[in-house]
Amino acid sequence: MKGMKNKVQLIGHLGANPEIKVFDENKKLAQLSLAVNDGFKNAEGEWQDDTQWFNLVAWSKLADYAEKNLIKGQELAIEGRLVNNTYTDKQDVKRTVSEIVLNEILLLSKQKSTKEAE
């Protein structure tokens, strides 16, 4: 169970096209958002939709893959680890952001990519 200490697996839809950043040594970062839909019955027995949004981060080869193959709306399965980053904003308020640092991306939808035509 050692490998299960910090493991996140989700299936959802990409909320926007990946945002790509390139750093000095050709190190690449892709930032993505994933919408995971779930449903439940409320007290009156009616179905309610619940969408949770997750911030994803991919580095290097996974960032290349995201840049070349992923577009908004596609269904993905992802695996990664949860990371909390703390920073101080412009108003000097301490903030914490949770991100999933990706280890794997599996494209589930067969949606045509606009990137294929380029």
C-alpha atoms as a PDB file:
ATOM      1  CA  MET A   1       0.000   0.000   0.000  1.00  0.00           C
ATOM      2  CA  LYS A   2       3.042   2.265  -0.056  1.00  0.00           C
ATOM      3  CA  GLY A   3       2.117   3.600  -3.511  1.00  0.00           C
ATOM      4  CA  MET A   4      -1.395   4.540  -2.402  1.00  0.00           C
ATOM      5  CA  LYS A   5      -0.436   7.218   0.126  1.00  0.00           C
ATOM      6  CA  ASN A   6      -1.049  10.165  -2.193  1.00  0.00           C
ATOM      7  CA  LYS A   7      -2.864   8.982  -5.309  1.00  0.00           C
ATOM      8  CA  VAL A   8      -5.707  10.678  -7.144  1.00  0.00           C
ATOM      9  CA  GLN A   9      -7.660   9.096 -10.002  1.00  0.00           C
ATOM     10  CA  LEU A  10     -10.445  11.000 -11.756  1.00  0.00           C
ATOM     11  CA  ILE A  11     -12.538  10.857 -14.905  1.00  0.00           C
ATOM     12  CA  GLY A  12     -13.996  14.092 -16.193  1.00  0.00           C
ATOM     13  CA  HIS A  13     -14.107  16.633 -18.988  1.00  0.00           C
ATOM     14  CA  LEU A  14     -11.475  19.224 -19.805  1.00  0.00           C
ATOM     15  CA  GLY A  15     -12.810  22.667 -18.865  1.00  0.00           C
ATOM     16  CA  ALA A  16     -10.540  24.655 -21.199  1.00  0.00           C
ATOM     17  CA  ASN A  17      -7.675  24.171 -23.603  1.00  0.00           C
ATOM     18  CA  PRO A  18      -4.378  23.564 -21.780  1.00  0.00           C
ATOM     19  CA  GLU A  19      -2.377  26.640 -20.806  1.00  0.00           C
ATOM     20  CA  ILE A  20       1.261  26.066 -21.707  1.00  0.00           C
ATOM     21  CA  LYS A  21       4.287  27.756 -20.159  1.00  0.00           C
ATOM     22  CA  VAL A  22       7.887  27.212 -21.257  1.00  0.00           C
ATOM     23  CA  PHE A  23      10.753  27.915 -18.881  1.00  0.00           C
ATOM     24  CA  ASP A  24      14.442  28.674 -19.576  1.00  0.00           C
ATOM     25  CA  GLU A  25      15.792  25.162 -20.023  1.00  0.00           C
ATOM     26  CA  ASN A  26      12.961  24.125 -22.391  1.00  0.00           C
ATOM     27  CA  LYS A  27      11.055  22.831 -19.391  1.00  0.00           C
ATOM     28  CA  LYS A  28       7.345  22.839 -20.211  1.00  0.00           C
ATOM     29  CA  LEU A  29       4.321  23.143 -17.909  1.00  0.00           C
ATOM     30  CA  ALA A  30       0.683  22.543 -18.839  1.00  0.00           C
ATOM     31  CA  GLN A  31      -2.100  23.784 -16.587  1.00  0.00           C
ATOM     32  CA  LEU A  32      -5.532  22.228 -17.048  1.00  0.00           C
ATOM     33  CA  SER A  33      -8.922  22.194 -15.370  1.00  0.00           C
ATOM     34  CA  LEU A  34     -11.052  19.074 -15.062  1.00  0.00           C
ATOM     35  CA  ALA A  35     -14.804  19.019 -14.390  1.00  0.00           C
ATOM     36  CA  VAL A  36     -16.057  15.879 -12.658  1.00  0.00           C
ATOM     37  CA  ASN A  37     -19.832  15.468 -12.668  1.00  0.00           C
ATOM     38  CA  ASP A  38     -21.705  13.535 -10.028  1.00  0.00           C
ATOM     39  CA  GLY A  39     -25.336  13.271  -9.042  1.00  0.00           C
ATOM     40  CA  PHE A  40     -27.342  12.598  -5.935  1.00  0.00           C
ATOM     41  CA  LYS A  41     -30.939  12.579  -4.756  1.00  0.00           C
ATOM     42  CA  ASN A  42     -31.926  15.447  -2.494  1.00  0.00           C
ATOM     43  CA  ALA A  43     -34.321  15.186   0.477  1.00  0.00           C
ATOM     44  CA  GLU A  44     -37.295  15.437  -1.907  1.00  0.00           C
ATOM     45  CA  GLY A  45     -35.999  12.526  -4.003  1.00  0.00           C
ATOM     46  CA  GLU A  46     -35.053  14.711  -6.980  1.00  0.00           C
ATOM     47  CA  TRP A  47     -31.770  14.219  -8.813  1.00  0.00           C
ATOM     48  CA  GLN A  48     -29.260  17.007  -8.329  1.00  0.00           C
ATOM     49  CA  ASP A  49     -26.159  17.494 -10.452  1.00  0.00           C
ATOM     50  CA  ASP A  50     -22.926  18.305  -8.676  1.00  0.00           C
ATOM     51  CA  THR A  51     -19.815  19.393 -10.593  1.00  0.00           C
ATOM     52  CA  GLN A  52     -16.436  19.550  -8.886  1.00  0.00           C
ATOM     53  CA  TRP A  53     -13.530  21.387 -10.553  1.00  0.00           C
ATOM     54  CA  PHE A  54      -9.917  20.294 -10.180  1.00  0.00           C
ATOM     55  CA  ASN A  55      -6.705  22.110 -11.131  1.00  0.00           C
ATOM     56  CA  LEU A  56      -4.229  19.845 -12.928  1.00  0.00           C
ATOM     57  CA  VAL A  57      -0.536  20.328 -13.648  1.00  0.00           C
ATOM     58  CA  ALA A  58       1.519  18.359 -16.176  1.00  0.00           C
ATOM     59  CA  TRP A  59       5.270  18.683 -16.700  1.00  0.00           C
ATOM     60  CA  SER A  60       7.668  17.787 -19.542  1.00  0.00           C
ATOM     61  CA  LYS A  61       6.433  14.928 -21.758  1.00  0.00           C
ATOM     62  CA  LEU A  62       2.910  15.025 -20.337  1.00  0.00           C
ATOM     63  CA  ALA A  63       2.833  18.772 -20.978  1.00  0.00           C
ATOM     64  CA  ASP A  64       3.875  18.106 -24.597  1.00  0.00           C
ATOM     65  CA  TYR A  65       1.100  15.509 -24.906  1.00  0.00           C
ATOM     66  CA  ALA A  66      -1.470  17.925 -23.449  1.00  0.00           C
ATOM     67  CA  GLU A  67      -0.393  20.723 -25.784  1.00  0.00           C
ATOM     68  CA  LYS A  68      -0.595  18.544 -28.905  1.00  0.00           C
ATOM     69  CA  ASN A  69      -3.656  16.400 -28.156  1.00  0.00           C
ATOM     70  CA  LEU A  70      -6.063  17.942 -25.656  1.00  0.00           C
ATOM     71  CA  ILE A  71      -8.869  20.421 -26.245  1.00  0.00           C
ATOM     72  CA  LYS A  72     -11.746  21.740 -24.170  1.00  0.00           C
ATOM     73  CA  GLY A  73     -14.598  19.270 -23.649  1.00  0.00           C
ATOM     74  CA  GLN A  74     -12.667  16.040 -24.135  1.00  0.00           C
ATOM     75  CA  GLU A  75     -13.209  13.262 -21.605  1.00  0.00           C
ATOM     76  CA  LEU A  76     -10.055  12.246 -19.730  1.00  0.00           C
ATOM     77  CA  ALA A  77      -8.985   9.757 -17.113  1.00  0.00           C
ATOM     78  CA  ILE A  78      -6.108  11.070 -15.035  1.00  0.00           C
ATOM     79  CA  GLU A  79      -3.851   9.825 -12.280  1.00  0.00           C
ATOM     80  CA  GLY A  80      -1.587  11.931 -10.139  1.00  0.00           C
ATOM     81  CA  ARG A  81      -0.818  13.174  -6.658  1.00  0.00           C
ATOM     82  CA  LEU A  82      -2.381  15.974  -4.643  1.00  0.00           C
ATOM     83  CA  VAL A  83      -0.136  18.941  -3.845  1.00  0.00           C
ATOM     84  CA  ASN A  84      -0.988  22.011  -1.739  1.00  0.00           C
ATOM     85  CA  ASN A  85       0.934  25.185  -2.565  1.00  0.00           C
ATOM     86  CA  THR A  86       0.915  28.200  -0.248  1.00  0.00           C
ATOM     87  CA  TYR A  87       1.613  31.766  -1.379  1.00  0.00           C
ATOM     88  CA  THR A  88       0.966  35.343  -0.302  1.00  0.00           C
ATOM     89  CA  ASP A  89      -1.228  37.407  -2.636  1.00  0.00           C
ATOM     90  CA  LYS A  90      -0.931  41.112  -3.519  1.00  0.00           C
ATOM     91  CA  GLN A  91      -3.036  42.072  -0.499  1.00  0.00           C
ATOM     92  CA  ASP A  92      -0.568  40.196   1.748  1.00  0.00           C
ATOM     93  CA  VAL A  93      -3.097  37.419   2.442  1.00  0.00           C
ATOM     94  CA  LYS A  94      -1.783  33.874   2.759  1.00  0.00           C
ATOM     95  CA  ARG A  95      -3.538  31.529   0.291  1.00  0.00           C
ATOM     96  CA  THR A  96      -3.397  27.787  -0.351  1.00  0.00           C
ATOM     97  CA  VAL A  97      -4.083  26.218  -3.745  1.00  0.00           C
ATOM     98  CA  SER A  98      -4.584  22.484  -4.288  1.00  0.00           C
ATOM     99  CA  GLU A  99      -3.413  20.942  -7.562  1.00  0.00           C
ATOM    100  CA  ILE A 100      -3.122  17.456  -8.941  1.00  0.00           C
ATOM    101  CA  VAL A 101       0.342  16.855 -10.402  1.00  0.00           C
ATOM    102  CA  LEU A 102      -0.260  14.362 -13.199  1.00  0.00           C
ATOM    103  CA  ASN A 103       1.531  11.057 -13.719  1.00  0.00           C
ATOM    104  CA  GLU A 104      -0.799   9.778 -16.460  1.00  0.00           C
ATOM    105  CA  ILE A 105      -3.386  11.095 -18.900  1.00  0.00           C
ATOM    106  CA  LEU A 106      -5.713   8.811 -20.841  1.00  0.00           C
ATOM    107  CA  LEU A 107      -7.879  10.381 -23.530  1.00  0.00           C
ATOM    108  CA  LEU A 108     -11.306   8.690 -23.418  1.00  0.00           C
ATOM    109  CA  SER A 109     -13.330  10.682 -25.977  1.00  0.00           C
ATOM    110  CA  LYS A 110     -12.872  10.295 -29.708  1.00  0.00           C
ATOM    111  CA  GLN A 111     -13.678  13.966 -30.257  1.00  0.00           C
ATOM    112  CA  LYS A 112     -11.931  15.468 -33.299  1.00  0.00           C
ATOM    113  CA  SER A 113      -9.196  17.862 -32.307  1.00  0.00           C
ATOM    114  CA  THR A 114      -8.893  21.220 -34.017  1.00  0.00           C
ATOM    115  CA  LYS A 115      -5.147  20.706 -33.578  1.00  0.00           C
ATOM    116  CA  GLU A 116      -5.224  17.810 -36.092  1.00  0.00           C
ATOM    117  CA  ALA A 117      -6.049  20.242 -38.890  1.00  0.00           C
ATOM    118  CA  GLU A 118      -3.059  22.487 -38.158  1.00  0.00           C
END
